[in-house]
Amino acid sequence: MATDYELSYRENPHGLGEPPKAFVASLDAYDKTHASVLDVGYGQGRGALFVARLGHSVMAVDQSQTGIRQLESDAKKEAFVVNAKVGDITDFAWVGPFDVVIVDRTLHKLALVDRV
């Protein structure tokens, strides 16, 4: 059964918790400053906010309008600008270039397609 992210995010704001330790460690070790980062399928924005706190610019794309509202609200509270977009990552019109692309627990959620 597919997860209803709209319902899940409404019922559990910040339900995904903090970013995973490996994610934090890899971004902490990244030595470029003011990088342009794309967060694909960001959910409630935990990764995007972490990246913004490090001083990078973030574009975040997810299909959940509730997740977008939560990210935008949290970013505003911390005075960060995060470019959050609602969209299907399989056909979203990416505007780059990006120094870093984050795909955290997203690709396995995509539907399988027939292969020729």
PDB file of N, CA and C in Angstrom:
ATOM      1  N   MET A   1       0.843  -1.180   0.000  1.00  0.00           N
ATOM      2  CA  MET A   1       0.000   0.000   0.000  1.00  0.00           C
ATOM      3  C   MET A   1       0.891   1.246   0.000  1.00  0.00           C
ATOM      4  N   ALA A   2       0.558   2.189  -0.822  1.00  0.00           N
ATOM      5  CA  ALA A   2       1.321   3.436  -0.917  1.00  0.00           C
ATOM      6  C   ALA A   2       1.049   4.321   0.294  1.00  0.00           C
ATOM      7  N   THR A   3       2.047   5.077   0.689  1.00  0.00           N
ATOM      8  CA  THR A   3       1.902   6.005   1.803  1.00  0.00           C
ATOM      9  C   THR A   3       1.176   7.255   1.334  1.00  0.00           C
ATOM     10  N   ASP A   4       0.218   7.711   2.122  1.00  0.00           N
ATOM     11  CA  ASP A   4      -0.463   8.980   1.846  1.00  0.00           C
ATOM     12  C   ASP A   4       0.328  10.057   2.581  1.00  0.00           C
ATOM     13  N   TYR A   5       1.275  10.672   1.868  1.00  0.00           N
ATOM     14  CA  TYR A   5       2.153  11.643   2.501  1.00  0.00           C
ATOM     15  C   TYR A   5       1.410  12.892   2.953  1.00  0.00           C
ATOM     16  N   GLU A   6       0.408  13.318   2.207  1.00  0.00           N
ATOM     17  CA  GLU A   6      -0.362  14.483   2.636  1.00  0.00           C
ATOM     18  C   GLU A   6      -0.942  14.234   4.028  1.00  0.00           C
ATOM     19  N   LEU A   7      -1.585  13.100   4.200  1.00  0.00           N
ATOM     20  CA  LEU A   7      -2.184  12.757   5.497  1.00  0.00           C
ATOM     21  C   LEU A   7      -1.106  12.563   6.555  1.00  0.00           C
ATOM     22  N   SER A   8      -0.072  11.836   6.207  1.00  0.00           N
ATOM     23  CA  SER A   8       1.005  11.578   7.160  1.00  0.00           C
ATOM     24  C   SER A   8       1.648  12.870   7.651  1.00  0.00           C
ATOM     25  N   TYR A   9       1.940  13.802   6.735  1.00  0.00           N
ATOM     26  CA  TYR A   9       2.574  15.057   7.115  1.00  0.00           C
ATOM     27  C   TYR A   9       1.628  15.940   7.932  1.00  0.00           C
ATOM     28  N   ARG A  10       0.339  15.929   7.588  1.00  0.00           N
ATOM     29  CA  ARG A  10      -0.629  16.719   8.372  1.00  0.00           C
ATOM     30  C   ARG A  10      -0.737  16.184   9.797  1.00  0.00           C
ATOM     31  N   GLU A  11      -0.752  14.870   9.935  1.00  0.00           N
ATOM     32  CA  GLU A  11      -0.905  14.251  11.254  1.00  0.00           C
ATOM     33  C   GLU A  11       0.386  14.269  12.061  1.00  0.00           C
ATOM     34  N   ASN A  12       1.525  14.341  11.392  1.00  0.00           N
ATOM     35  CA  ASN A  12       2.824  14.248  12.072  1.00  0.00           C
ATOM     36  C   ASN A  12       3.803  15.303  11.577  1.00  0.00           C
ATOM     37  N   PRO A  13       3.542  16.588  11.873  1.00  0.00           N
ATOM     38  CA  PRO A  13       4.530  17.601  11.488  1.00  0.00           C
ATOM     39  C   PRO A  13       5.886  17.229  12.104  1.00  0.00           C
ATOM     40  N   HIS A  14       6.920  17.336  11.320  1.00  0.00           N
ATOM     41  CA  HIS A  14       8.279  16.955  11.744  1.00  0.00           C
ATOM     42  C   HIS A  14       8.377  15.466  12.069  1.00  0.00           C
ATOM     43  N   GLY A  15       7.457  14.688  11.523  1.00  0.00           N
ATOM     44  CA  GLY A  15       7.406  13.256  11.804  1.00  0.00           C
ATOM     45  C   GLY A  15       8.608  12.480  11.313  1.00  0.00           C
ATOM     46  N   LEU A  16       9.319  13.017  10.344  1.00  0.00           N
ATOM     47  CA  LEU A  16      10.497  12.315   9.840  1.00  0.00           C
ATOM     48  C   LEU A  16      11.727  12.558  10.694  1.00  0.00           C
ATOM     49  N   GLY A  17      11.629  13.478  11.634  1.00  0.00           N
ATOM     50  CA  GLY A  17      12.743  13.723  12.545  1.00  0.00           C
ATOM     51  C   GLY A  17      13.899  14.467  11.909  1.00  0.00           C
ATOM     52  N   GLU A  18      15.061  14.260  12.478  1.00  0.00           N
ATOM     53  CA  GLU A  18      16.279  14.919  12.010  1.00  0.00           C
ATOM     54  C   GLU A  18      16.864  14.171  10.816  1.00  0.00           C
ATOM     55  N   PRO A  19      17.710  14.843  10.031  1.00  0.00           N
ATOM     56  CA  PRO A  19      18.358  14.151   8.913  1.00  0.00           C
ATOM     57  C   PRO A  19      19.220  12.997   9.420  1.00  0.00           C
ATOM     58  N   PRO A  20      19.362  11.938   8.614  1.00  0.00           N
ATOM     59  CA  PRO A  20      20.204  10.800   9.008  1.00  0.00           C
ATOM     60  C   PRO A  20      21.651  11.224   9.263  1.00  0.00           C
ATOM     61  N   LYS A  21      22.318  10.530  10.161  1.00  0.00           N
ATOM     62  CA  LYS A  21      23.700  10.871  10.540  1.00  0.00           C
ATOM     63  C   LYS A  21      24.653  10.853   9.353  1.00  0.00           C
ATOM     64  N   ALA A  22      24.492   9.898   8.445  1.00  0.00           N
ATOM     65  CA  ALA A  22      25.378   9.835   7.273  1.00  0.00           C
ATOM     66  C   ALA A  22      25.176  11.055   6.380  1.00  0.00           C
ATOM     67  N   PHE A  23      23.955  11.504   6.261  1.00  0.00           N
ATOM     68  CA  PHE A  23      23.645  12.704   5.484  1.00  0.00           C
ATOM     69  C   PHE A  23      24.319  13.919   6.109  1.00  0.00           C
ATOM     70  N   VAL A  24      24.160  14.072   7.410  1.00  0.00           N
ATOM     71  CA  VAL A  24      24.763  15.192   8.144  1.00  0.00           C
ATOM     72  C   VAL A  24      26.282  15.163   7.991  1.00  0.00           C
ATOM     73  N   ALA A  25      26.874  13.997   8.170  1.00  0.00           N
ATOM     74  CA  ALA A  25      28.330  13.875   8.082  1.00  0.00           C
ATOM     75  C   ALA A  25      28.839  14.236   6.687  1.00  0.00           C
ATOM     76  N   SER A  26      28.138  13.804   5.657  1.00  0.00           N
ATOM     77  CA  SER A  26      28.609  14.090   4.300  1.00  0.00           C
ATOM     78  C   SER A  26      28.516  15.578   3.973  1.00  0.00           C
ATOM     79  N   LEU A  27      27.457  16.242   4.426  1.00  0.00           N
ATOM     80  CA  LEU A  27      27.327  17.685   4.167  1.00  0.00           C
ATOM     81  C   LEU A  27      28.258  18.498   5.055  1.00  0.00           C
ATOM     82  N   ASP A  28      28.475  18.039   6.274  1.00  0.00           N
ATOM     83  CA  ASP A  28      29.439  18.723   7.148  1.00  0.00           C
ATOM     84  C   ASP A  28      30.837  18.672   6.557  1.00  0.00           C
ATOM     85  N   ALA A  29      31.168  17.588   5.857  1.00  0.00           N
ATOM     86  CA  ALA A  29      32.502  17.418   5.277  1.00  0.00           C
ATOM     87  C   ALA A  29      32.649  18.121   3.928  1.00  0.00           C
ATOM     88  N   TYR A  30      31.545  18.552   3.342  1.00  0.00           N
ATOM     89  CA  TYR A  30      31.590  19.213   2.037  1.00  0.00           C
ATOM     90  C   TYR A  30      32.238  20.575   2.214  1.00  0.00           C
ATOM     91  N   ASP A  31      33.290  20.842   1.444  1.00  0.00           N
ATOM     92  CA  ASP A  31      34.086  22.043   1.711  1.00  0.00           C
ATOM     93  C   ASP A  31      33.718  23.267   0.877  1.00  0.00           C
ATOM     94  N   LYS A  32      32.802  23.150  -0.049  1.00  0.00           N
ATOM     95  CA  LYS A  32      32.412  24.316  -0.837  1.00  0.00           C
ATOM     96  C   LYS A  32      31.450  25.178  -0.023  1.00  0.00           C
ATOM     97  N   THR A  33      31.628  26.483  -0.104  1.00  0.00           N
ATOM     98  CA  THR A  33      30.701  27.387   0.568  1.00  0.00           C
ATOM     99  C   THR A  33      29.691  27.923  -0.444  1.00  0.00           C
ATOM    100  N   HIS A  34      28.522  28.252   0.045  1.00  0.00           N
ATOM    101  CA  HIS A  34      27.456  28.841  -0.774  1.00  0.00           C
ATOM    102  C   HIS A  34      27.150  28.002  -2.014  1.00  0.00           C
ATOM    103  N   ALA A  35      27.057  26.703  -1.827  1.00  0.00           N
ATOM    104  CA  ALA A  35      26.760  25.800  -2.934  1.00  0.00           C
ATOM    105  C   ALA A  35      25.289  25.901  -3.320  1.00  0.00           C
ATOM    106  N   SER A  36      24.996  25.511  -4.539  1.00  0.00           N
ATOM    107  CA  SER A  36      23.631  25.413  -5.032  1.00  0.00           C
ATOM    108  C   SER A  36      23.216  23.946  -4.906  1.00  0.00           C
ATOM    109  N   VAL A  37      22.177  23.698  -4.113  1.00  0.00           N
ATOM    110  CA  VAL A  37      21.792  22.330  -3.769  1.00  0.00           C
ATOM    111  C   VAL A  37      20.365  22.056  -4.212  1.00  0.00           C
ATOM    112  N   LEU A  38      20.157  20.913  -4.843  1.00  0.00           N
ATOM    113  CA  LEU A  38      18.831  20.445  -5.221  1.00  0.00           C
ATOM    114  C   LEU A  38      18.469  19.287  -4.310  1.00  0.00           C
ATOM    115  N   ASP A  39      17.336  19.399  -3.620  1.00  0.00           N
ATOM    116  CA  ASP A  39      16.833  18.334  -2.754  1.00  0.00           C
ATOM    117  C   ASP A  39      15.610  17.734  -3.442  1.00  0.00           C
ATOM    118  N   VAL A  40      15.759  16.518  -3.944  1.00  0.00           N
ATOM    119  CA  VAL A  40      14.717  15.845  -4.717  1.00  0.00           C
ATOM    120  C   VAL A  40      13.854  14.989  -3.786  1.00  0.00           C
ATOM    121  N   GLY A  41      12.560  15.261  -3.769  1.00  0.00           N
ATOM    122  CA  GLY A  41      11.656  14.494  -2.918  1.00  0.00           C
ATOM    123  C   GLY A  41      11.914  14.763  -1.447  1.00  0.00           C
ATOM    124  N   TYR A  42      11.913  16.028  -1.088  1.00  0.00           N
ATOM    125  CA  TYR A  42      12.383  16.447   0.241  1.00  0.00           C
ATOM    126  C   TYR A  42      11.411  16.194   1.373  1.00  0.00           C
ATOM    127  N   GLY A  43      10.178  15.836   1.091  1.00  0.00           N
ATOM    128  CA  GLY A  43       9.223  15.553   2.167  1.00  0.00           C
ATOM    129  C   GLY A  43       8.919  16.780   2.994  1.00  0.00           C
ATOM    130  N   GLN A  44       9.178  16.717   4.271  1.00  0.00           N
ATOM    131  CA  GLN A  44       8.889  17.822   5.185  1.00  0.00           C
ATOM    132  C   GLN A  44      10.039  18.815   5.291  1.00  0.00           C
ATOM    133  N   GLY A  45      11.105  18.586   4.558  1.00  0.00           N
ATOM    134  CA  GLY A  45      12.170  19.574   4.468  1.00  0.00           C
ATOM    135  C   GLY A  45      13.312  19.448   5.442  1.00  0.00           C
ATOM    136  N   ARG A  46      13.431  18.335   6.130  1.00  0.00           N
ATOM    137  CA  ARG A  46      14.501  18.222   7.135  1.00  0.00           C
ATOM    138  C   ARG A  46      15.882  18.359   6.517  1.00  0.00           C
ATOM    139  N   GLY A  47      16.093  17.760   5.351  1.00  0.00           N
ATOM    140  CA  GLY A  47      17.389  17.884   4.678  1.00  0.00           C
ATOM    141  C   GLY A  47      17.613  19.278   4.131  1.00  0.00           C
ATOM    142  N   ALA A  48      16.579  19.843   3.521  1.00  0.00           N
ATOM    143  CA  ALA A  48      16.686  21.185   2.938  1.00  0.00           C
ATOM    144  C   ALA A  48      17.017  22.217   4.010  1.00  0.00           C
ATOM    145  N   LEU A  49      16.389  22.120   5.156  1.00  0.00           N
ATOM    146  CA  LEU A  49      16.674  23.061   6.247  1.00  0.00           C
ATOM    147  C   LEU A  49      18.093  22.898   6.765  1.00  0.00           C
ATOM    148  N   PHE A  50      18.539  21.665   6.899  1.00  0.00           N
ATOM    149  CA  PHE A  50      19.909  21.422   7.350  1.00  0.00           C
ATOM    150  C   PHE A  50      20.903  22.066   6.384  1.00  0.00           C
ATOM    151  N   VAL A  51      20.667  21.895   5.087  1.00  0.00           N
ATOM    152  CA  VAL A  51      21.533  22.466   4.057  1.00  0.00           C
ATOM    153  C   VAL A  51      21.519  23.989   4.130  1.00  0.00           C
ATOM    154  N   ALA A  52      20.344  24.582   4.303  1.00  0.00           N
ATOM    155  CA  ALA A  52      20.228  26.043   4.404  1.00  0.00           C
ATOM    156  C   ALA A  52      20.985  26.562   5.628  1.00  0.00           C
ATOM    157  N   ARG A  53      20.929  25.821   6.713  1.00  0.00           N
ATOM    158  CA  ARG A  53      21.649  26.232   7.935  1.00  0.00           C
ATOM    159  C   ARG A  53      23.154  26.275   7.703  1.00  0.00           C
ATOM    160  N   LEU A  54      23.640  25.495   6.746  1.00  0.00           N
ATOM    161  CA  LEU A  54      25.069  25.491   6.422  1.00  0.00           C
ATOM    162  C   LEU A  54      25.448  26.641   5.494  1.00  0.00           C
ATOM    163  N   GLY A  55      24.457  27.402   5.050  1.00  0.00           N
ATOM    164  CA  GLY A  55      24.739  28.570   4.217  1.00  0.00           C
ATOM    165  C   GLY A  55      24.624  28.336   2.723  1.00  0.00           C
ATOM    166  N   HIS A  56      24.087  27.186   2.326  1.00  0.00           N
ATOM    167  CA  HIS A  56      23.920  26.881   0.914  1.00  0.00           C
ATOM    168  C   HIS A  56      22.540  27.327   0.439  1.00  0.00           C
ATOM    169  N   SER A  57      22.399  27.560  -0.866  1.00  0.00           N
ATOM    170  CA  SER A  57      21.079  27.848  -1.420  1.00  0.00           C
ATOM    171  C   SER A  57      20.427  26.515  -1.793  1.00  0.00           C
ATOM    172  N   VAL A  58      19.118  26.425  -1.573  1.00  0.00           N
ATOM    173  CA  VAL A  58      18.416  25.157  -1.741  1.00  0.00           C
ATOM    174  C   VAL A  58      17.197  25.313  -2.628  1.00  0.00           C
ATOM    175  N   MET A  59      17.083  24.421  -3.608  1.00  0.00           N
ATOM    176  CA  MET A  59      15.827  24.225  -4.332  1.00  0.00           C
ATOM    177  C   MET A  59      15.331  22.847  -3.908  1.00  0.00           C
ATOM    178  N   ALA A  60      14.096  22.777  -3.443  1.00  0.00           N
ATOM    179  CA  ALA A  60      13.527  21.517  -2.987  1.00  0.00           C
ATOM    180  C   ALA A  60      12.259  21.231  -3.781  1.00  0.00           C
ATOM    181  N   VAL A  61      12.144  19.998  -4.273  1.00  0.00           N
ATOM    182  CA  VAL A  61      10.999  19.603  -5.085  1.00  0.00           C
ATOM    183  C   VAL A  61      10.358  18.367  -4.476  1.00  0.00           C
ATOM    184  N   ASP A  62       9.050  18.441  -4.278  1.00  0.00           N
ATOM    185  CA  ASP A  62       8.295  17.305  -3.749  1.00  0.00           C
ATOM    186  C   ASP A  62       6.864  17.412  -4.239  1.00  0.00           C
ATOM    187  N   GLN A  63       6.151  16.302  -4.273  1.00  0.00           N
ATOM    188  CA  GLN A  63       4.763  16.327  -4.723  1.00  0.00           C
ATOM    189  C   GLN A  63       3.789  16.687  -3.609  1.00  0.00           C
ATOM    190  N   SER A  64       4.239  16.762  -2.381  1.00  0.00           N
ATOM    191  CA  SER A  64       3.354  17.033  -1.247  1.00  0.00           C
ATOM    192  C   SER A  64       3.221  18.528  -0.955  1.00  0.00           C
ATOM    193  N   GLN A  65       2.031  19.056  -1.147  1.00  0.00           N
ATOM    194  CA  GLN A  65       1.787  20.463  -0.816  1.00  0.00           C
ATOM    195  C   GLN A  65       1.901  20.702   0.682  1.00  0.00           C
ATOM    196  N   THR A  66       1.503  19.723   1.484  1.00  0.00           N
ATOM    197  CA  THR A  66       1.630  19.850   2.940  1.00  0.00           C
ATOM    198  C   THR A  66       3.101  19.918   3.330  1.00  0.00           C
ATOM    199  N   GLY A  67       3.926  19.075   2.728  1.00  0.00           N
ATOM    200  CA  GLY A  67       5.364  19.119   2.996  1.00  0.00           C
ATOM    201  C   GLY A  67       5.963  20.458   2.620  1.00  0.00           C
ATOM    202  N   ILE A  68       5.529  21.016   1.498  1.00  0.00           N
ATOM    203  CA  ILE A  68       6.024  22.327   1.060  1.00  0.00           C
ATOM    204  C   ILE A  68       5.651  23.398   2.070  1.00  0.00           C
ATOM    205  N   ARG A  69       4.400  23.401   2.501  1.00  0.00           N
ATOM    206  CA  ARG A  69       3.967  24.409   3.487  1.00  0.00           C
ATOM    207  C   ARG A  69       4.764  24.289   4.784  1.00  0.00           C
ATOM    208  N   GLN A  70       5.017  23.061   5.228  1.00  0.00           N
ATOM    209  CA  GLN A  70       5.794  22.864   6.445  1.00  0.00           C
ATOM    210  C   GLN A  70       7.231  23.346   6.275  1.00  0.00           C
ATOM    211  N   LEU A  71       7.844  23.031   5.143  1.00  0.00           N
ATOM    212  CA  LEU A  71       9.209  23.505   4.886  1.00  0.00           C
ATOM    213  C   LEU A  71       9.255  25.022   4.847  1.00  0.00           C
ATOM    214  N   GLU A  72       8.334  25.630   4.115  1.00  0.00           N
ATOM    215  CA  GLU A  72       8.327  27.090   4.004  1.00  0.00           C
ATOM    216  C   GLU A  72       8.100  27.749   5.362  1.00  0.00           C
ATOM    217  N   SER A  73       7.221  27.194   6.177  1.00  0.00           N
ATOM    218  CA  SER A  73       6.970  27.741   7.512  1.00  0.00           C
ATOM    219  C   SER A  73       8.212  27.636   8.391  1.00  0.00           C
ATOM    220  N   ASP A  74       8.848  26.464   8.383  1.00  0.00           N
ATOM    221  CA  ASP A  74      10.050  26.270   9.197  1.00  0.00           C
ATOM    222  C   ASP A  74      11.195  27.159   8.715  1.00  0.00           C
ATOM    223  N   ALA A  75      11.347  27.286   7.400  1.00  0.00           N
ATOM    224  CA  ALA A  75      12.406  28.140   6.852  1.00  0.00           C
ATOM    225  C   ALA A  75      12.171  29.598   7.247  1.00  0.00           C
ATOM    226  N   LYS A  76      10.923  30.045   7.194  1.00  0.00           N
ATOM    227  CA  LYS A  76      10.600  31.425   7.559  1.00  0.00           C
ATOM    228  C   LYS A  76      10.925  31.692   9.034  1.00  0.00           C
ATOM    229  N   LYS A  77      10.617  30.730   9.911  1.00  0.00           N
ATOM    230  CA  LYS A  77      10.913  30.879  11.343  1.00  0.00           C
ATOM    231  C   LYS A  77      12.401  31.066  11.583  1.00  0.00           C
ATOM    232  N   GLU A  78      13.222  30.439  10.727  1.00  0.00           N
ATOM    233  CA  GLU A  78      14.675  30.531  10.881  1.00  0.00           C
ATOM    234  C   GLU A  78      15.287  31.570   9.947  1.00  0.00           C
ATOM    235  N   ALA A  79      14.457  32.311   9.246  1.00  0.00           N
ATOM    236  CA  ALA A  79      14.893  33.369   8.325  1.00  0.00           C
ATOM    237  C   ALA A  79      15.759  32.842   7.186  1.00  0.00           C
ATOM    238  N   PHE A  80      15.426  31.656   6.682  1.00  0.00           N
ATOM    239  CA  PHE A  80      16.105  31.082   5.522  1.00  0.00           C
ATOM    240  C   PHE A  80      15.207  31.214   4.313  1.00  0.00           C
ATOM    241  N   VAL A  81      15.831  31.350   3.162  1.00  0.00           N
ATOM    242  CA  VAL A  81      15.098  31.319   1.902  1.00  0.00           C
ATOM    243  C   VAL A  81      15.364  29.960   1.267  1.00  0.00           C
ATOM    244  N   VAL A  82      14.294  29.187   1.100  1.00  0.00           N
ATOM    245  CA  VAL A  82      14.380  27.899   0.432  1.00  0.00           C
ATOM    246  C   VAL A  82      13.399  27.941  -0.729  1.00  0.00           C
ATOM    247  N   ASN A  83      13.876  27.632  -1.907  1.00  0.00           N
ATOM    248  CA  ASN A  83      13.049  27.633  -3.105  1.00  0.00           C
ATOM    249  C   ASN A  83      12.320  26.290  -3.172  1.00  0.00           C
ATOM    250  N   ALA A  84      11.134  26.218  -2.572  1.00  0.00           N
ATOM    251  CA  ALA A  84      10.371  24.976  -2.491  1.00  0.00           C
ATOM    252  C   ALA A  84       9.320  24.935  -3.591  1.00  0.00           C
ATOM    253  N   LYS A  85       9.300  23.833  -4.321  1.00  0.00           N
ATOM    254  CA  LYS A  85       8.386  23.679  -5.450  1.00  0.00           C
ATOM    255  C   LYS A  85       7.598  22.388  -5.315  1.00  0.00           C
ATOM    256  N   VAL A  86       6.313  22.456  -5.641  1.00  0.00           N
ATOM    257  CA  VAL A  86       5.525  21.233  -5.740  1.00  0.00           C
ATOM    258  C   VAL A  86       5.684  20.706  -7.147  1.00  0.00           C
ATOM    259  N   GLY A  87       5.937  19.416  -7.251  1.00  0.00           N
ATOM    260  CA  GLY A  87       6.089  18.837  -8.578  1.00  0.00           C
ATOM    261  C   GLY A  87       6.402  17.361  -8.514  1.00  0.00           C
ATOM    262  N   ASP A  88       6.139  16.709  -9.618  1.00  0.00           N
ATOM    263  CA  ASP A  88       6.463  15.303  -9.793  1.00  0.00           C
ATOM    264  C   ASP A  88       7.911  15.239 -10.270  1.00  0.00           C
ATOM    265  N   ILE A  89       8.762  14.580  -9.520  1.00  0.00           N
ATOM    266  CA  ILE A  89      10.185  14.579  -9.854  1.00  0.00           C
ATOM    267  C   ILE A  89      10.493  13.868 -11.162  1.00  0.00           C
ATOM    268  N   THR A  90       9.550  13.078 -11.675  1.00  0.00           N
ATOM    269  CA  THR A  90       9.809  12.362 -12.929  1.00  0.00           C
ATOM    270  C   THR A  90       9.685  13.256 -14.147  1.00  0.00           C
ATOM    271  N   ASP A  91       9.018  14.410 -14.008  1.00  0.00           N
ATOM    272  CA  ASP A  91       8.894  15.300 -15.164  1.00  0.00           C
ATOM    273  C   ASP A  91       9.052  16.770 -14.803  1.00  0.00           C
ATOM    274  N   PHE A  92       9.671  17.045 -13.668  1.00  0.00           N
ATOM    275  CA  PHE A  92       9.869  18.422 -13.226  1.00  0.00           C
ATOM    276  C   PHE A  92      10.916  19.108 -14.106  1.00  0.00           C
ATOM    277  N   ALA A  93      10.699  20.370 -14.412  1.00  0.00           N
ATOM    278  CA  ALA A  93      11.656  21.142 -15.230  1.00  0.00           C
ATOM    279  C   ALA A  93      12.742  21.720 -14.316  1.00  0.00           C
ATOM    280  N   TRP A  94      13.851  20.998 -14.185  1.00  0.00           N
ATOM    281  CA  TRP A  94      14.953  21.409 -13.314  1.00  0.00           C
ATOM    282  C   TRP A  94      15.625  22.661 -13.865  1.00  0.00           C
ATOM    283  N   VAL A  95      15.960  23.581 -12.983  1.00  0.00           N
ATOM    284  CA  VAL A  95      16.686  24.784 -13.367  1.00  0.00           C
ATOM    285  C   VAL A  95      18.004  24.756 -12.599  1.00  0.00           C
ATOM    286  N   GLY A  96      19.073  24.453 -13.273  1.00  0.00           N
ATOM    287  CA  GLY A  96      20.369  24.301 -12.619  1.00  0.00           C
ATOM    288  C   GLY A  96      21.346  25.309 -13.168  1.00  0.00           C
ATOM    289  N   PRO A  97      22.600  25.089 -13.006  1.00  0.00           N
ATOM    290  CA  PRO A  97      23.224  23.878 -12.497  1.00  0.00           C
ATOM    291  C   PRO A  97      23.203  23.820 -10.973  1.00  0.00           C
ATOM    292  N   PHE A  98      23.471  22.614 -10.450  1.00  0.00           N
ATOM    293  CA  PHE A  98      23.536  22.396  -9.014  1.00  0.00           C
ATOM    294  C   PHE A  98      24.893  21.803  -8.658  1.00  0.00           C
ATOM    295  N   ASP A  99      25.430  22.225  -7.539  1.00  0.00           N
ATOM    296  CA  ASP A  99      26.687  21.660  -7.052  1.00  0.00           C
ATOM    297  C   ASP A  99      26.453  20.312  -6.391  1.00  0.00           C
ATOM    298  N   VAL A 100      25.303  20.174  -5.744  1.00  0.00           N
ATOM    299  CA  VAL A 100      24.966  18.957  -5.007  1.00  0.00           C
ATOM    300  C   VAL A 100      23.507  18.619  -5.293  1.00  0.00           C
ATOM    301  N   VAL A 101      23.247  17.332  -5.521  1.00  0.00           N
ATOM    302  CA  VAL A 101      21.880  16.844  -5.663  1.00  0.00           C
ATOM    303  C   VAL A 101      21.652  15.812  -4.569  1.00  0.00           C
ATOM    304  N   ILE A 102      20.611  16.030  -3.774  1.00  0.00           N
ATOM    305  CA  ILE A 102      20.278  15.133  -2.672  1.00  0.00           C
ATOM    306  C   ILE A 102      19.036  14.336  -3.050  1.00  0.00           C
ATOM    307  N   VAL A 103      19.149  13.022  -2.957  1.00  0.00           N
ATOM    308  CA  VAL A 103      18.020  12.137  -3.186  1.00  0.00           C
ATOM    309  C   VAL A 103      18.016  11.175  -2.000  1.00  0.00           C
ATOM    310  N   ASP A 104      17.245  11.488  -0.985  1.00  0.00           N
ATOM    311  CA  ASP A 104      17.226  10.721   0.260  1.00  0.00           C
ATOM    312  C   ASP A 104      15.904   9.976   0.385  1.00  0.00           C
ATOM    313  N   ARG A 105      15.959   8.675   0.280  1.00  0.00           N
ATOM    314  CA  ARG A 105      14.781   7.818   0.419  1.00  0.00           C
ATOM    315  C   ARG A 105      13.641   8.245  -0.499  1.00  0.00           C
ATOM    316  N   THR A 106      13.942   8.370  -1.779  1.00  0.00           N
ATOM    317  CA  THR A 106      12.955   8.846  -2.742  1.00  0.00           C
ATOM    318  C   THR A 106      12.800   7.918  -3.939  1.00  0.00           C
ATOM    319  N   LEU A 107      13.885   7.549  -4.568  1.00  0.00           N
ATOM    320  CA  LEU A 107      13.802   6.825  -5.834  1.00  0.00           C
ATOM    321  C   LEU A 107      13.073   5.492  -5.716  1.00  0.00           C
ATOM    322  N   HIS A 108      13.203   4.815  -4.599  1.00  0.00           N
ATOM    323  CA  HIS A 108      12.526   3.521  -4.448  1.00  0.00           C
ATOM    324  C   HIS A 108      11.005   3.668  -4.359  1.00  0.00           C
ATOM    325  N   LYS A 109      10.528   4.893  -4.180  1.00  0.00           N
ATOM    326  CA  LYS A 109       9.089   5.143  -4.099  1.00  0.00           C
ATOM    327  C   LYS A 109       8.451   5.340  -5.476  1.00  0.00           C
ATOM    328  N   LEU A 110       9.270   5.506  -6.505  1.00  0.00           N
ATOM    329  CA  LEU A 110       8.745   5.721  -7.840  1.00  0.00           C
ATOM    330  C   LEU A 110       8.128   4.438  -8.392  1.00  0.00           C
ATOM    331  N   ALA A 111       7.075   4.593  -9.165  1.00  0.00           N
ATOM    332  CA  ALA A 111       6.422   3.444  -9.788  1.00  0.00           C
ATOM    333  C   ALA A 111       7.332   2.843 -10.840  1.00  0.00           C
ATOM    334  N   LEU A 112       7.281   1.521 -10.959  1.00  0.00           N
ATOM    335  CA  LEU A 112       8.029   0.863 -12.010  1.00  0.00           C
ATOM    336  C   LEU A 112       7.324   1.125 -13.339  1.00  0.00           C
ATOM    337  N   VAL A 113       8.094   1.247 -14.380  1.00  0.00           N
ATOM    338  CA  VAL A 113       7.518   1.476 -15.707  1.00  0.00           C
ATOM    339  C   VAL A 113       7.874   0.291 -16.597  1.00  0.00           C
ATOM    340  N   ASP A 114       7.059   0.083 -17.612  1.00  0.00           N
ATOM    341  CA  ASP A 114       7.366  -0.985 -18.576  1.00  0.00           C
ATOM    342  C   ASP A 114       8.643  -0.626 -19.300  1.00  0.00           C
ATOM    343  N   ARG A 115       9.473  -1.614 -19.529  1.00  0.00           N
ATOM    344  CA  ARG A 115      10.733  -1.395 -20.231  1.00  0.00           C
ATOM    345  C   ARG A 115      10.676  -2.101 -21.570  1.00  0.00           C
ATOM    346  N   VAL A 116      11.198  -1.447 -22.556  1.00  0.00           N
ATOM    347  CA  VAL A 116      11.178  -2.015 -23.910  1.00  0.00           C
ATOM    348  C   VAL A 116      12.372  -2.906 -24.105  1.00  0.00           C
TER     349      VAL A 116
END
